[in-house]
């Protein structure tokens, strides 16, 4: 599940990059959670 979700993740990140140019970098303080049922935030 984690690997599958990681392969989907480029889509929402790239959307944010288009909406907020220059604001979405790796240095952002990302809070990341996951559940065994395959739901991640």
ModelCIF file with pLDDT and N, C-alpha, C, O atoms, coordinates in Angstrom:
data_MODEL
#
_entry.id   MODEL 
#
_entity.id                         1 
_entity.type                       polymer 
_entity.pdbx_number_of_molecules   1 
#
_entity_poly.entity_id                      1 
_entity_poly.type                           'polypeptide(L)' 
_entity_poly.nstd_linkage                   no 
_entity_poly.nstd_monomer                   no 
_entity_poly.pdbx_seq_one_letter_code       
;(UNK)(UNK)(UNK)(UNK)(UNK)(UNK)(UNK)(UNK)(UNK)(UNK)(UNK)(UNK)(UNK)(UNK)(UNK)(UNK)
(UNK)(UNK)(UNK)(UNK)(UNK)(UNK)(UNK)(UNK)(UNK)(UNK)(UNK)(UNK)(UNK)(UNK)(UNK)(UNK)
(UNK)(UNK)(UNK)(UNK)(UNK)(UNK)(UNK)(UNK)(UNK)
;
_entity_poly.pdbx_seq_one_letter_code_can   XXXXXXXXXXXXXXXXXXXXXXXXXXXXXXXXXXXXXXXXX 
_entity_poly.pdbx_strand_id                 A 
#
loop_
_entity_poly_seq.entity_id 
_entity_poly_seq.num 
_entity_poly_seq.mon_id 
_entity_poly_seq.hetero 
1 1  UNK n 
1 2  UNK n 
1 3  UNK n 
1 4  UNK n 
1 5  UNK n 
1 6  UNK n 
1 7  UNK n 
1 8  UNK n 
1 9  UNK n 
1 10 UNK n 
1 11 UNK n 
1 12 UNK n 
1 13 UNK n 
1 14 UNK n 
1 15 UNK n 
1 16 UNK n 
1 17 UNK n 
1 18 UNK n 
1 19 UNK n 
1 20 UNK n 
1 21 UNK n 
1 22 UNK n 
1 23 UNK n 
1 24 UNK n 
1 25 UNK n 
1 26 UNK n 
1 27 UNK n 
1 28 UNK n 
1 29 UNK n 
1 30 UNK n 
1 31 UNK n 
1 32 UNK n 
1 33 UNK n 
1 34 UNK n 
1 35 UNK n 
1 36 UNK n 
1 37 UNK n 
1 38 UNK n 
1 39 UNK n 
1 40 UNK n 
1 41 UNK n 
#
_struct_asym.id          A 
_struct_asym.entity_id   1 
#
loop_
_ma_qa_metric.id 
_ma_qa_metric.mode 
_ma_qa_metric.name 
_ma_qa_metric.software_group_id 
_ma_qa_metric.type 
1 global pLDDT . pLDDT 
2 local  pLDDT . pLDDT 
#
_ma_qa_metric_global.metric_id      1 
_ma_qa_metric_global.metric_value   93.56 
_ma_qa_metric_global.model_id       1 
_ma_qa_metric_global.ordinal_id     1 
#
loop_
_ma_qa_metric_local.label_asym_id 
_ma_qa_metric_local.label_comp_id 
_ma_qa_metric_local.label_seq_id 
_ma_qa_metric_local.metric_id 
_ma_qa_metric_local.metric_value 
_ma_qa_metric_local.model_id 
_ma_qa_metric_local.ordinal_id 
A UNK 1  2 96.00 1 1  
A UNK 2  2 96.00 1 2  
A UNK 3  2 95.00 1 3  
A UNK 4  2 96.00 1 4  
A UNK 5  2 97.00 1 5  
A UNK 6  2 97.00 1 6  
A UNK 7  2 96.00 1 7  
A UNK 8  2 97.00 1 8  
A UNK 9  2 98.00 1 9  
A UNK 10 2 98.00 1 10 
A UNK 11 2 98.00 1 11 
A UNK 12 2 98.00 1 12 
A UNK 13 2 98.00 1 13 
A UNK 14 2 98.00 1 14 
A UNK 15 2 98.00 1 15 
A UNK 16 2 98.00 1 16 
A UNK 17 2 97.00 1 17 
A UNK 18 2 97.00 1 18 
A UNK 19 2 97.00 1 19 
A UNK 20 2 96.00 1 20 
A UNK 21 2 94.00 1 21 
A UNK 22 2 91.00 1 22 
A UNK 23 2 91.00 1 23 
A UNK 24 2 89.00 1 24 
A UNK 25 2 79.00 1 25 
A UNK 26 2 73.00 1 26 
A UNK 27 2 71.00 1 27 
A UNK 28 2 74.00 1 28 
A UNK 29 2 88.00 1 29 
A UNK 30 2 93.00 1 30 
A UNK 31 2 94.00 1 31 
A UNK 32 2 95.00 1 32 
A UNK 33 2 96.00 1 33 
A UNK 34 2 96.00 1 34 
A UNK 35 2 95.00 1 35 
A UNK 36 2 94.00 1 36 
A UNK 37 2 94.00 1 37 
A UNK 38 2 96.00 1 38 
A UNK 39 2 97.00 1 39 
A UNK 40 2 98.00 1 40 
A UNK 41 2 97.00 1 41 
#
loop_
_atom_site.group_PDB 
_atom_site.id 
_atom_site.type_symbol 
_atom_site.label_atom_id 
_atom_site.label_alt_id 
_atom_site.label_comp_id 
_atom_site.label_asym_id 
_atom_site.label_entity_id 
_atom_site.label_seq_id 
_atom_site.pdbx_PDB_ins_code 
_atom_site.Cartn_x 
_atom_site.Cartn_y 
_atom_site.Cartn_z 
_atom_site.occupancy 
_atom_site.B_iso_or_equiv 
_atom_site.pdbx_formal_charge 
_atom_site.auth_seq_id 
_atom_site.auth_comp_id 
_atom_site.auth_asym_id 
_atom_site.auth_atom_id 
_atom_site.pdbx_PDB_model_num 
ATOM 1   N N  . UNK A 1 1  ? 0.801  -1.217 0.000   1.00 96.00 ? 1  UNK A N  1 
ATOM 2   C CA . UNK A 1 1  ? 0.000  0.000  0.000   1.00 96.00 ? 1  UNK A CA 1 
ATOM 3   C C  . UNK A 1 1  ? 0.841  1.277  0.000   1.00 96.00 ? 1  UNK A C  1 
ATOM 4   O O  . UNK A 1 1  ? 0.527  2.219  -0.727  1.00 96.00 ? 1  UNK A O  1 
ATOM 5   N N  . UNK A 1 2  ? 1.898  1.318  0.801   1.00 96.00 ? 2  UNK A N  1 
ATOM 6   C CA . UNK A 1 2  ? 2.703  2.538  0.881   1.00 96.00 ? 2  UNK A CA 1 
ATOM 7   C C  . UNK A 1 2  ? 3.325  2.859  -0.475  1.00 96.00 ? 2  UNK A C  1 
ATOM 8   O O  . UNK A 1 2  ? 3.314  4.010  -0.911  1.00 96.00 ? 2  UNK A O  1 
ATOM 9   N N  . UNK A 1 3  ? 3.864  1.846  -1.134  1.00 95.00 ? 3  UNK A N  1 
ATOM 10  C CA . UNK A 1 3  ? 4.480  2.057  -2.445  1.00 95.00 ? 3  UNK A CA 1 
ATOM 11  C C  . UNK A 1 3  ? 3.491  2.512  -3.493  1.00 95.00 ? 3  UNK A C  1 
ATOM 12  O O  . UNK A 1 3  ? 3.813  3.358  -4.327  1.00 95.00 ? 3  UNK A O  1 
ATOM 13  N N  . UNK A 1 4  ? 2.269  1.950  -3.461  1.00 96.00 ? 4  UNK A N  1 
ATOM 14  C CA . UNK A 1 4  ? 1.239  2.356  -4.425  1.00 96.00 ? 4  UNK A CA 1 
ATOM 15  C C  . UNK A 1 4  ? 0.845  3.811  -4.194  1.00 96.00 ? 4  UNK A C  1 
ATOM 16  O O  . UNK A 1 4  ? 0.716  4.588  -5.140  1.00 96.00 ? 4  UNK A O  1 
ATOM 17  N N  . UNK A 1 5  ? 0.654  4.171  -2.922  1.00 97.00 ? 5  UNK A N  1 
ATOM 18  C CA . UNK A 1 5  ? 0.297  5.562  -2.609  1.00 97.00 ? 5  UNK A CA 1 
ATOM 19  C C  . UNK A 1 5  ? 1.414  6.512  -3.025  1.00 97.00 ? 5  UNK A C  1 
ATOM 20  O O  . UNK A 1 5  ? 1.142  7.612  -3.508  1.00 97.00 ? 5  UNK A O  1 
ATOM 21  N N  . UNK A 1 6  ? 2.669  6.101  -2.843  1.00 97.00 ? 6  UNK A N  1 
ATOM 22  C CA . UNK A 1 6  ? 3.805  6.938  -3.235  1.00 97.00 ? 6  UNK A CA 1 
ATOM 23  C C  . UNK A 1 6  ? 3.818  7.187  -4.735  1.00 97.00 ? 6  UNK A C  1 
ATOM 24  O O  . UNK A 1 6  ? 4.244  8.253  -5.179  1.00 97.00 ? 6  UNK A O  1 
ATOM 25  N N  . UNK A 1 7  ? 3.359  6.222  -5.520  1.00 96.00 ? 7  UNK A N  1 
ATOM 26  C CA . UNK A 1 7  ? 3.327  6.397  -6.967  1.00 96.00 ? 7  UNK A CA 1 
ATOM 27  C C  . UNK A 1 7  ? 2.181  7.304  -7.417  1.00 96.00 ? 7  UNK A C  1 
ATOM 28  O O  . UNK A 1 7  ? 2.216  7.843  -8.523  1.00 96.00 ? 7  UNK A O  1 
ATOM 29  N N  . UNK A 1 8  ? 1.166  7.474  -6.565  1.00 97.00 ? 8  UNK A N  1 
ATOM 30  C CA . UNK A 1 8  ? 0.064  8.395  -6.855  1.00 97.00 ? 8  UNK A CA 1 
ATOM 31  C C  . UNK A 1 8  ? 0.428  9.822  -6.443  1.00 97.00 ? 8  UNK A C  1 
ATOM 32  O O  . UNK A 1 8  ? -0.044 10.787 -7.045  1.00 97.00 ? 8  UNK A O  1 
ATOM 33  N N  . UNK A 1 9  ? 1.262  9.947  -5.424  1.00 98.00 ? 9  UNK A N  1 
ATOM 34  C CA . UNK A 1 9  ? 1.585  11.238 -4.818  1.00 98.00 ? 9  UNK A CA 1 
ATOM 35  C C  . UNK A 1 9  ? 2.065  12.315 -5.797  1.00 98.00 ? 9  UNK A C  1 
ATOM 36  O O  . UNK A 1 9  ? 1.744  13.484 -5.581  1.00 98.00 ? 9  UNK A O  1 
ATOM 37  N N  . UNK A 1 10 ? 2.818  11.992 -6.864  1.00 98.00 ? 10 UNK A N  1 
ATOM 38  C CA . UNK A 1 10 ? 3.218  13.064 -7.784  1.00 98.00 ? 10 UNK A CA 1 
ATOM 39  C C  . UNK A 1 10 ? 2.057  13.871 -8.354  1.00 98.00 ? 10 UNK A C  1 
ATOM 40  O O  . UNK A 1 10 ? 2.233  15.043 -8.686  1.00 98.00 ? 10 UNK A O  1 
ATOM 41  N N  . UNK A 1 11 ? 0.879  13.271 -8.474  1.00 98.00 ? 11 UNK A N  1 
ATOM 42  C CA . UNK A 1 11 ? -0.251 14.021 -9.034  1.00 98.00 ? 11 UNK A CA 1 
ATOM 43  C C  . UNK A 1 11 ? -0.673 15.182 -8.136  1.00 98.00 ? 11 UNK A C  1 
ATOM 44  O O  . UNK A 1 11 ? -0.684 16.318 -8.609  1.00 98.00 ? 11 UNK A O  1 
ATOM 45  N N  . UNK A 1 12 ? -1.027 14.956 -6.849  1.00 98.00 ? 12 UNK A N  1 
ATOM 46  C CA . UNK A 1 12 ? -1.419 16.113 -6.039  1.00 98.00 ? 12 UNK A CA 1 
ATOM 47  C C  . UNK A 1 12 ? -0.298 17.126 -5.828  1.00 98.00 ? 12 UNK A C  1 
ATOM 48  O O  . UNK A 1 12 ? -0.557 18.328 -5.779  1.00 98.00 ? 12 UNK A O  1 
ATOM 49  N N  . UNK A 1 13 ? 0.948  16.655 -5.702  1.00 98.00 ? 13 UNK A N  1 
ATOM 50  C CA . UNK A 1 13 ? 2.048  17.602 -5.520  1.00 98.00 ? 13 UNK A CA 1 
ATOM 51  C C  . UNK A 1 13 ? 2.208  18.487 -6.753  1.00 98.00 ? 13 UNK A C  1 
ATOM 52  O O  . UNK A 1 13 ? 2.412  19.694 -6.625  1.00 98.00 ? 13 UNK A O  1 
ATOM 53  N N  . UNK A 1 14 ? 2.118  17.899 -7.941  1.00 98.00 ? 14 UNK A N  1 
ATOM 54  C CA . UNK A 1 14 ? 2.273  18.693 -9.165  1.00 98.00 ? 14 UNK A CA 1 
ATOM 55  C C  . UNK A 1 14 ? 1.125  19.677 -9.347  1.00 98.00 ? 14 UNK A C  1 
ATOM 56  O O  . UNK A 1 14 ? 1.321  20.757 -9.905  1.00 98.00 ? 14 UNK A O  1 
ATOM 57  N N  . UNK A 1 15 ? -0.067 19.321 -8.887  1.00 98.00 ? 15 UNK A N  1 
ATOM 58  C CA . UNK A 1 15 ? -1.202 20.254 -8.932  1.00 98.00 ? 15 UNK A CA 1 
ATOM 59  C C  . UNK A 1 15 ? -0.930 21.453 -8.029  1.00 98.00 ? 15 UNK A C  1 
ATOM 60  O O  . UNK A 1 15 ? -1.161 22.598 -8.417  1.00 98.00 ? 15 UNK A O  1 
ATOM 61  N N  . UNK A 1 16 ? -0.438 21.182 -6.825  1.00 98.00 ? 16 UNK A N  1 
ATOM 62  C CA . UNK A 1 16 ? -0.088 22.274 -5.908  1.00 98.00 ? 16 UNK A CA 1 
ATOM 63  C C  . UNK A 1 16 ? 0.994  23.166 -6.504  1.00 98.00 ? 16 UNK A C  1 
ATOM 64  O O  . UNK A 1 16 ? 0.948  24.386 -6.345  1.00 98.00 ? 16 UNK A O  1 
ATOM 65  N N  . UNK A 1 17 ? 1.962  22.571 -7.185  1.00 97.00 ? 17 UNK A N  1 
ATOM 66  C CA . UNK A 1 17 ? 3.017  23.368 -7.820  1.00 97.00 ? 17 UNK A CA 1 
ATOM 67  C C  . UNK A 1 17 ? 2.436  24.300 -8.874  1.00 97.00 ? 17 UNK A C  1 
ATOM 68  O O  . UNK A 1 17 ? 2.913  25.422 -9.042  1.00 97.00 ? 17 UNK A O  1 
ATOM 69  N N  . UNK A 1 18 ? 1.418  23.845 -9.578  1.00 97.00 ? 18 UNK A N  1 
ATOM 70  C CA . UNK A 1 18 ? 0.808  24.671 -10.622 1.00 97.00 ? 18 UNK A CA 1 
ATOM 71  C C  . UNK A 1 18 ? -0.048 25.779 -10.015 1.00 97.00 ? 18 UNK A C  1 
ATOM 72  O O  . UNK A 1 18 ? -0.116 26.880 -10.561 1.00 97.00 ? 18 UNK A O  1 
ATOM 73  N N  . UNK A 1 19 ? -0.697 25.496 -8.900  1.00 97.00 ? 19 UNK A N  1 
ATOM 74  C CA . UNK A 1 19 ? -1.542 26.497 -8.258  1.00 97.00 ? 19 UNK A CA 1 
ATOM 75  C C  . UNK A 1 19 ? -0.725 27.518 -7.480  1.00 97.00 ? 19 UNK A C  1 
ATOM 76  O O  . UNK A 1 19 ? -1.079 28.696 -7.429  1.00 97.00 ? 19 UNK A O  1 
ATOM 77  N N  . UNK A 1 20 ? 0.376  27.062 -6.869  1.00 96.00 ? 20 UNK A N  1 
ATOM 78  C CA . UNK A 1 20 ? 1.201  27.913 -6.007  1.00 96.00 ? 20 UNK A CA 1 
ATOM 79  C C  . UNK A 1 20 ? 2.654  27.843 -6.478  1.00 96.00 ? 20 UNK A C  1 
ATOM 80  O O  . UNK A 1 20 ? 3.480  27.227 -5.804  1.00 96.00 ? 20 UNK A O  1 
ATOM 81  N N  . UNK A 1 21 ? 2.985  28.452 -7.609  1.00 94.00 ? 21 UNK A N  1 
ATOM 82  C CA . UNK A 1 21 ? 4.336  28.338 -8.167  1.00 94.00 ? 21 UNK A CA 1 
ATOM 83  C C  . UNK A 1 21 ? 5.416  28.761 -7.169  1.00 94.00 ? 21 UNK A C  1 
ATOM 84  O O  . UNK A 1 21 ? 5.338  29.830 -6.564  1.00 94.00 ? 21 UNK A O  1 
ATOM 85  N N  . UNK A 1 22 ? 6.415  27.906 -7.014  1.00 91.00 ? 22 UNK A N  1 
ATOM 86  C CA . UNK A 1 22 ? 7.544  28.210 -6.152  1.00 91.00 ? 22 UNK A CA 1 
ATOM 87  C C  . UNK A 1 22 ? 7.310  28.002 -4.673  1.00 91.00 ? 22 UNK A C  1 
ATOM 88  O O  . UNK A 1 22 ? 8.235  28.160 -3.876  1.00 91.00 ? 22 UNK A O  1 
ATOM 89  N N  . UNK A 1 23 ? 6.079  27.648 -4.280  1.00 91.00 ? 23 UNK A N  1 
ATOM 90  C CA . UNK A 1 23 ? 5.763  27.533 -2.852  1.00 91.00 ? 23 UNK A CA 1 
ATOM 91  C C  . UNK A 1 23 ? 5.834  26.105 -2.331  1.00 91.00 ? 23 UNK A C  1 
ATOM 92  O O  . UNK A 1 23 ? 5.877  25.894 -1.119  1.00 91.00 ? 23 UNK A O  1 
ATOM 93  N N  . UNK A 1 24 ? 5.847  25.122 -3.225  1.00 89.00 ? 24 UNK A N  1 
ATOM 94  C CA . UNK A 1 24 ? 5.803  23.719 -2.800  1.00 89.00 ? 24 UNK A CA 1 
ATOM 95  C C  . UNK A 1 24 ? 7.189  23.112 -2.943  1.00 89.00 ? 24 UNK A C  1 
ATOM 96  O O  . UNK A 1 24 ? 7.548  22.601 -4.004  1.00 89.00 ? 24 UNK A O  1 
ATOM 97  N N  . UNK A 1 25 ? 7.960  23.171 -1.873  1.00 79.00 ? 25 UNK A N  1 
ATOM 98  C CA . UNK A 1 25 ? 9.293  22.592 -1.880  1.00 79.00 ? 25 UNK A CA 1 
ATOM 99  C C  . UNK A 1 25 ? 9.419  21.495 -0.852  1.00 79.00 ? 25 UNK A C  1 
ATOM 100 O O  . UNK A 1 25 ? 8.533  21.338 -0.011  1.00 79.00 ? 25 UNK A O  1 
ATOM 101 N N  . UNK A 1 26 ? 10.490 20.733 -0.894  1.00 73.00 ? 26 UNK A N  1 
ATOM 102 C CA . UNK A 1 26 ? 10.668 19.628 0.045   1.00 73.00 ? 26 UNK A CA 1 
ATOM 103 C C  . UNK A 1 26 ? 10.892 20.090 1.476   1.00 73.00 ? 26 UNK A C  1 
ATOM 104 O O  . UNK A 1 26 ? 10.777 19.301 2.414   1.00 73.00 ? 26 UNK A O  1 
ATOM 105 N N  . UNK A 1 27 ? 11.217 21.389 1.645   1.00 71.00 ? 27 UNK A N  1 
ATOM 106 C CA . UNK A 1 27 ? 11.503 21.885 2.981   1.00 71.00 ? 27 UNK A CA 1 
ATOM 107 C C  . UNK A 1 27 ? 10.245 22.179 3.790   1.00 71.00 ? 27 UNK A C  1 
ATOM 108 O O  . UNK A 1 27 ? 10.336 22.473 4.982   1.00 71.00 ? 27 UNK A O  1 
ATOM 109 N N  . UNK A 1 28 ? 9.061  22.103 3.157   1.00 74.00 ? 28 UNK A N  1 
ATOM 110 C CA . UNK A 1 28 ? 7.816  22.342 3.889   1.00 74.00 ? 28 UNK A CA 1 
ATOM 111 C C  . UNK A 1 28 ? 7.703  21.330 5.030   1.00 74.00 ? 28 UNK A C  1 
ATOM 112 O O  . UNK A 1 28 ? 8.167  20.195 4.923   1.00 74.00 ? 28 UNK A O  1 
ATOM 113 N N  . UNK A 1 29 ? 7.085  21.763 6.106   1.00 88.00 ? 29 UNK A N  1 
ATOM 114 C CA . UNK A 1 29 ? 6.937  20.905 7.285   1.00 88.00 ? 29 UNK A CA 1 
ATOM 115 C C  . UNK A 1 29 ? 5.732  19.994 7.082   1.00 88.00 ? 29 UNK A C  1 
ATOM 116 O O  . UNK A 1 29 ? 4.635  20.281 7.561   1.00 88.00 ? 29 UNK A O  1 
ATOM 117 N N  . UNK A 1 30 ? 5.949  18.893 6.367   1.00 93.00 ? 30 UNK A N  1 
ATOM 118 C CA . UNK A 1 30 ? 4.861  17.976 6.046   1.00 93.00 ? 30 UNK A CA 1 
ATOM 119 C C  . UNK A 1 30 ? 4.584  17.032 7.214   1.00 93.00 ? 30 UNK A C  1 
ATOM 120 O O  . UNK A 1 30 ? 5.489  16.364 7.714   1.00 93.00 ? 30 UNK A O  1 
ATOM 121 N N  . UNK A 1 31 ? 3.325  16.986 7.640   1.00 94.00 ? 31 UNK A N  1 
ATOM 122 C CA . UNK A 1 31 ? 2.884  15.979 8.590   1.00 94.00 ? 31 UNK A CA 1 
ATOM 123 C C  . UNK A 1 31 ? 2.287  14.832 7.782   1.00 94.00 ? 31 UNK A C  1 
ATOM 124 O O  . UNK A 1 31 ? 1.361  15.037 6.997   1.00 94.00 ? 31 UNK A O  1 
ATOM 125 N N  . UNK A 1 32 ? 2.805  13.646 7.970   1.00 95.00 ? 32 UNK A N  1 
ATOM 126 C CA . UNK A 1 32 ? 2.417  12.494 7.154   1.00 95.00 ? 32 UNK A CA 1 
ATOM 127 C C  . UNK A 1 32 ? 1.904  11.376 8.054   1.00 95.00 ? 32 UNK A C  1 
ATOM 128 O O  . UNK A 1 32 ? 2.571  10.978 9.009   1.00 95.00 ? 32 UNK A O  1 
ATOM 129 N N  . UNK A 1 33 ? 0.718  10.878 7.742   1.00 96.00 ? 33 UNK A N  1 
ATOM 130 C CA . UNK A 1 33 ? 0.151  9.777  8.514   1.00 96.00 ? 33 UNK A CA 1 
ATOM 131 C C  . UNK A 1 33 ? -0.347 8.687  7.576   1.00 96.00 ? 33 UNK A C  1 
ATOM 132 O O  . UNK A 1 33 ? -0.625 8.935  6.402   1.00 96.00 ? 33 UNK A O  1 
ATOM 133 N N  . UNK A 1 34 ? -0.454 7.484  8.109   1.00 96.00 ? 34 UNK A N  1 
ATOM 134 C CA . UNK A 1 34 ? -0.961 6.369  7.319   1.00 96.00 ? 34 UNK A CA 1 
ATOM 135 C C  . UNK A 1 34 ? -1.693 5.376  8.191   1.00 96.00 ? 34 UNK A C  1 
ATOM 136 O O  . UNK A 1 34 ? -1.381 5.214  9.371   1.00 96.00 ? 34 UNK A O  1 
ATOM 137 N N  . UNK A 1 35 ? -2.670 4.712  7.601   1.00 95.00 ? 35 UNK A N  1 
ATOM 138 C CA . UNK A 1 35 ? -3.449 3.701  8.306   1.00 95.00 ? 35 UNK A CA 1 
ATOM 139 C C  . UNK A 1 35 ? -3.300 2.358  7.599   1.00 95.00 ? 35 UNK A C  1 
ATOM 140 O O  . UNK A 1 35 ? -3.065 2.319  6.391   1.00 95.00 ? 35 UNK A O  1 
ATOM 141 N N  . UNK A 1 36 ? -3.435 1.255  8.337   1.00 94.00 ? 36 UNK A N  1 
ATOM 142 C CA . UNK A 1 36 ? -3.282 -0.072 7.713   1.00 94.00 ? 36 UNK A CA 1 
ATOM 143 C C  . UNK A 1 36 ? -4.270 -0.347 6.587   1.00 94.00 ? 36 UNK A C  1 
ATOM 144 O O  . UNK A 1 36 ? -4.027 -1.225 5.759   1.00 94.00 ? 36 UNK A O  1 
ATOM 145 N N  . UNK A 1 37 ? -5.388 0.391  6.541   1.00 94.00 ? 37 UNK A N  1 
ATOM 146 C CA . UNK A 1 37 ? -6.368 0.157  5.477   1.00 94.00 ? 37 UNK A CA 1 
ATOM 147 C C  . UNK A 1 37 ? -5.987 0.845  4.164   1.00 94.00 ? 37 UNK A C  1 
ATOM 148 O O  . UNK A 1 37 ? -6.756 0.823  3.203   1.00 94.00 ? 37 UNK A O  1 
ATOM 149 N N  . UNK A 1 38 ? -4.795 1.458  4.123   1.00 96.00 ? 38 UNK A N  1 
ATOM 150 C CA . UNK A 1 38 ? -4.341 2.078  2.884   1.00 96.00 ? 38 UNK A CA 1 
ATOM 151 C C  . UNK A 1 38 ? -4.821 3.492  2.680   1.00 96.00 ? 38 UNK A C  1 
ATOM 152 O O  . UNK A 1 38 ? -4.975 3.934  1.541   1.00 96.00 ? 38 UNK A O  1 
ATOM 153 N N  . UNK A 1 39 ? -5.063 4.219  3.766   1.00 97.00 ? 39 UNK A N  1 
ATOM 154 C CA . UNK A 1 39 ? -5.456 5.627  3.684   1.00 97.00 ? 39 UNK A CA 1 
ATOM 155 C C  . UNK A 1 39 ? -4.348 6.479  4.282   1.00 97.00 ? 39 UNK A C  1 
ATOM 156 O O  . UNK A 1 39 ? -3.920 6.249  5.413   1.00 97.00 ? 39 UNK A O  1 
ATOM 157 N N  . UNK A 1 40 ? -3.885 7.465  3.520   1.00 98.00 ? 40 UNK A N  1 
ATOM 158 C CA . UNK A 1 40 ? -2.725 8.265  3.900   1.00 98.00 ? 40 UNK A CA 1 
ATOM 159 C C  . UNK A 1 40 ? -3.070 9.745  3.804   1.00 98.00 ? 40 UNK A C  1 
ATOM 160 O O  . UNK A 1 40 ? -3.854 10.152 2.948   1.00 98.00 ? 40 UNK A O  1 
ATOM 161 N N  . UNK A 1 41 ? -2.481 10.545 4.685   1.00 97.00 ? 41 UNK A N  1 
ATOM 162 C CA . UNK A 1 41 ? -2.677 11.991 4.620   1.00 97.00 ? 41 UNK A CA 1 
ATOM 163 C C  . UNK A 1 41 ? -1.333 12.702 4.708   1.00 97.00 ? 41 UNK A C  1 
ATOM 164 O O  . UNK A 1 41 ? -1.282 13.931 4.671   1.00 97.00 ? 41 UNK A O  1 
#
